[in-house]
Amino acid sequence: MSLTACMPTPQKVNEAIGRGQLSQAVEMLQKMLNEDAEITTRKLDRLLLALELSHHFNLDVADDLFDGLNQDAQYVILRWYMNIYLTASEEAMKTEHFEEARLIWRRHEKVRALSLPDFQEAVPVQGIIDLREAEYLAKRGDTKLGKEKFVQARTKLTSKQPFDRVQQYAFRKLVSEVEEALK
């Protein structure tokens, strides 16, 4: 009996997702990724998307998948995993629940730190959350609290590079807009 006969396949993972059995799908996907099963990037992306679109999907499922992978496999899905948390955090910010956005991202940082302790974000997300809250407060006319949040954002965003050199255009533009609104 060959070992490949016991190896889960993308089709079996997809079927488990379709049945709403995400824990089973996660276990099979972990086994495939940890044991270097042959799976194309396209198939993996489709499985991760199917998992994400399941009505039963939540951040716990993403954490379970990520935690059960060896370090090499974690790097394979790291972009997807971070995007799950970025999306959840962004949704909280859109509904002006900034503390919830912070909690979501802190949860991600804790899980990520256990598996990838040396990983560094290109742009500290906690600083972006503070910057968005400063923008929200400025629009509401609460400039005192807005300035406090802006200072917090500046501190977090300058931990790695000068604040006026935030590289991504959208954030650079947001910095100048918030700064102008708080004057």
Protein backbone atom coordinates (compact mmCIF):
# COMPACT_ATOMS: atom_id res chain seq x y z
CA MET A 1 0.00 0.00 0.00
CA SER A 2 1.47 3.33 -1.00
CA LEU A 3 1.44 6.43 1.19
CA THR A 4 0.03 8.58 -1.60
CA ALA A 5 -3.23 6.65 -1.39
CA CYS A 6 -3.74 8.11 2.11
CA MET A 7 -2.86 11.66 1.07
CA PRO A 8 -5.82 14.04 0.88
CA THR A 9 -6.51 15.67 -2.47
CA PRO A 10 -7.70 19.18 -3.31
CA GLN A 11 -11.00 17.63 -4.42
CA LYS A 12 -11.51 15.95 -1.01
CA VAL A 13 -10.70 19.23 0.76
CA ASN A 14 -13.15 21.08 -1.47
CA GLU A 15 -15.87 18.49 -0.81
CA ALA A 16 -15.39 18.86 2.96
CA ILE A 17 -15.68 22.63 2.62
CA GLY A 18 -18.85 22.20 0.57
CA ARG A 19 -20.35 20.00 3.30
CA GLY A 20 -19.52 22.66 5.90
CA GLN A 21 -16.98 20.40 7.60
CA LEU A 22 -14.29 23.02 7.91
CA SER A 23 -12.34 21.28 10.67
CA GLN A 24 -11.99 18.22 8.43
CA ALA A 25 -11.04 20.42 5.46
CA VAL A 26 -8.45 22.23 7.60
CA GLU A 27 -6.92 18.93 8.76
CA MET A 28 -6.65 17.64 5.19
CA LEU A 29 -5.20 20.91 3.92
CA GLN A 30 -2.67 20.94 6.75
CA LYS A 31 -1.61 17.41 5.91
CA MET A 32 -1.23 18.30 2.23
CA LEU A 33 0.84 21.42 2.92
CA ASN A 34 2.95 19.95 5.73
CA GLU A 35 3.84 16.89 3.68
CA ASP A 36 4.54 18.80 0.47
CA ALA A 37 1.73 17.21 -1.50
CA GLU A 38 1.62 18.22 -5.11
CA ILE A 39 -0.77 21.14 -5.37
CA THR A 40 -0.55 24.04 -7.74
CA THR A 41 -0.68 27.61 -6.50
CA ARG A 42 -3.91 28.06 -8.42
CA LYS A 43 -5.57 25.07 -6.73
CA LEU A 44 -4.34 26.19 -3.31
CA ASP A 45 -5.68 29.70 -3.89
CA ARG A 46 -9.04 28.25 -4.92
CA LEU A 47 -9.21 26.06 -1.80
CA LEU A 48 -8.33 28.99 0.45
CA LEU A 49 -10.98 31.12 -1.26
CA ALA A 50 -13.58 28.35 -0.91
CA LEU A 51 -12.69 28.06 2.77
CA GLU A 52 -12.97 31.82 3.24
CA LEU A 53 -16.34 32.00 1.44
CA SER A 54 -17.88 29.21 3.52
CA HIS A 55 -20.70 30.37 5.79
CA HIS A 56 -18.96 28.56 8.65
CA PHE A 57 -15.64 30.37 8.19
CA ASN A 58 -14.32 32.68 10.91
CA LEU A 59 -10.97 33.85 12.26
CA ASP A 60 -10.70 30.76 14.47
CA VAL A 61 -10.70 28.55 11.37
CA ALA A 62 -7.92 30.67 9.83
CA ASP A 63 -5.93 30.42 13.08
CA ASP A 64 -6.44 26.65 13.25
CA LEU A 65 -5.15 26.24 9.71
CA PHE A 66 -2.15 28.49 10.27
CA ASP A 67 -1.24 27.02 13.68
CA GLY A 68 -1.24 23.45 12.38
CA LEU A 69 1.27 24.13 9.63
CA ASN A 70 5.03 23.80 9.74
CA GLN A 71 6.98 27.00 9.16
CA ASP A 72 7.53 26.42 5.44
CA ALA A 73 3.82 25.79 4.90
CA GLN A 74 2.96 28.87 6.97
CA TYR A 75 4.99 31.01 4.60
CA VAL A 76 3.02 29.54 1.69
CA ILE A 77 -0.31 30.81 3.07
CA LEU A 78 1.00 33.85 4.98
CA ARG A 79 -0.31 36.38 2.44
CA TRP A 80 -3.79 34.81 2.54
CA TYR A 81 -3.74 34.59 6.34
CA MET A 82 -2.72 38.22 6.78
CA ASN A 83 -5.32 39.31 4.25
CA ILE A 84 -8.05 37.54 6.27
CA TYR A 85 -7.14 39.64 9.29
CA LEU A 86 -6.64 42.84 7.30
CA THR A 87 -10.11 42.39 5.80
CA ALA A 88 -11.71 41.77 9.20
CA SER A 89 -9.90 44.76 10.68
CA GLU A 90 -10.84 46.96 7.71
CA GLU A 91 -14.50 45.94 8.07
CA ALA A 92 -14.42 46.99 11.72
CA MET A 93 -12.88 50.35 10.76
CA LYS A 94 -15.50 50.93 8.05
CA THR A 95 -18.19 50.64 10.71
CA GLU A 96 -16.18 52.96 12.98
CA HIS A 97 -15.37 50.21 15.50
CA PHE A 98 -11.72 51.13 15.90
CA GLU A 99 -11.16 49.27 19.16
CA GLU A 100 -12.54 46.10 17.57
CA ALA A 101 -10.14 46.62 14.64
CA ARG A 102 -7.24 46.91 17.09
CA LEU A 103 -8.31 43.75 18.94
CA ILE A 104 -8.59 41.80 15.69
CA TRP A 105 -5.12 42.86 14.60
CA ARG A 106 -3.58 42.20 18.04
CA ARG A 107 -5.03 38.69 17.90
CA HIS A 108 -3.35 38.20 14.53
CA GLU A 109 -0.06 39.56 15.84
CA LYS A 110 -0.10 37.10 18.76
CA VAL A 111 -0.79 34.10 16.54
CA ARG A 112 1.75 35.23 13.95
CA ALA A 113 4.42 35.92 16.60
CA LEU A 114 4.20 32.35 17.90
CA SER A 115 4.87 30.92 14.46
CA LEU A 116 6.95 33.63 12.82
CA PRO A 117 8.66 35.58 15.63
CA ASP A 118 10.99 37.51 13.30
CA PHE A 119 8.29 38.72 10.91
CA GLN A 120 8.03 42.50 10.56
CA GLU A 121 5.17 44.38 8.91
CA ALA A 122 6.15 46.76 6.14
CA VAL A 123 3.63 49.30 7.50
CA PRO A 124 2.49 48.82 11.12
CA VAL A 125 -1.25 48.16 10.89
CA GLN A 126 -1.92 49.43 14.42
CA GLY A 127 -0.61 52.81 13.28
CA ILE A 128 -2.94 52.80 10.30
CA ILE A 129 -5.90 52.04 12.59
CA ASP A 130 -4.96 55.03 14.76
CA LEU A 131 -4.59 57.18 11.66
CA ARG A 132 -8.04 56.16 10.42
CA GLU A 133 -9.52 56.93 13.82
CA ALA A 134 -7.82 60.34 13.80
CA GLU A 135 -9.38 60.95 10.38
CA TYR A 136 -12.81 59.92 11.72
CA LEU A 137 -12.45 62.20 14.76
CA ALA A 138 -11.33 65.12 12.59
CA LYS A 139 -14.42 64.73 10.39
CA ARG A 140 -16.59 64.76 13.52
CA GLY A 141 -14.88 67.94 14.72
CA ASP A 142 -13.20 66.35 17.73
CA THR A 143 -9.77 67.80 17.00
CA LYS A 144 -8.37 67.36 20.53
CA LEU A 145 -8.89 63.59 20.58
CA GLY A 146 -8.07 63.44 16.88
CA LYS A 147 -4.68 65.04 17.52
CA GLU A 148 -3.99 62.50 20.28
CA LYS A 149 -4.77 59.62 17.91
CA PHE A 150 -2.66 61.28 15.22
CA VAL A 151 0.33 61.42 17.61
CA GLN A 152 -0.21 57.74 18.45
CA ALA A 153 -0.33 56.92 14.73
CA ARG A 154 2.83 58.93 14.13
CA THR A 155 4.63 57.03 16.92
CA LYS A 156 3.60 53.61 15.62
CA LEU A 157 4.22 54.41 11.97
CA THR A 158 7.68 55.90 12.61
CA SER A 159 8.95 52.89 14.52
CA LYS A 160 10.66 51.73 11.31
CA GLN A 161 10.91 54.81 9.07
CA PRO A 162 10.32 58.58 9.17
CA PHE A 163 6.62 59.48 9.28
CA ASP A 164 6.80 61.70 6.20
CA ARG A 165 8.21 58.78 4.23
CA VAL A 166 5.29 56.40 4.58
CA GLN A 167 5.78 54.68 1.26
CA GLN A 168 2.35 53.63 0.08
CA TYR A 169 0.63 56.51 -1.69
CA ALA A 170 -2.79 55.86 -0.12
CA PHE A 171 -1.33 56.13 3.38
CA ARG A 172 0.89 59.10 2.49
CA LYS A 173 -2.19 60.88 1.14
CA LEU A 174 -4.21 59.95 4.25
CA VAL A 175 -1.46 61.31 6.53
CA SER A 176 -1.52 64.69 4.78
CA GLU A 177 -5.34 64.82 4.71
CA VAL A 178 -5.65 64.03 8.42
CA GLU A 179 -2.87 66.47 9.29
CA GLU A 180 -4.71 69.20 7.35
CA ALA A 181 -8.07 68.36 8.95
CA LEU A 182 -6.63 68.56 12.46
CA LYS A 183 -5.11 72.05 12.01
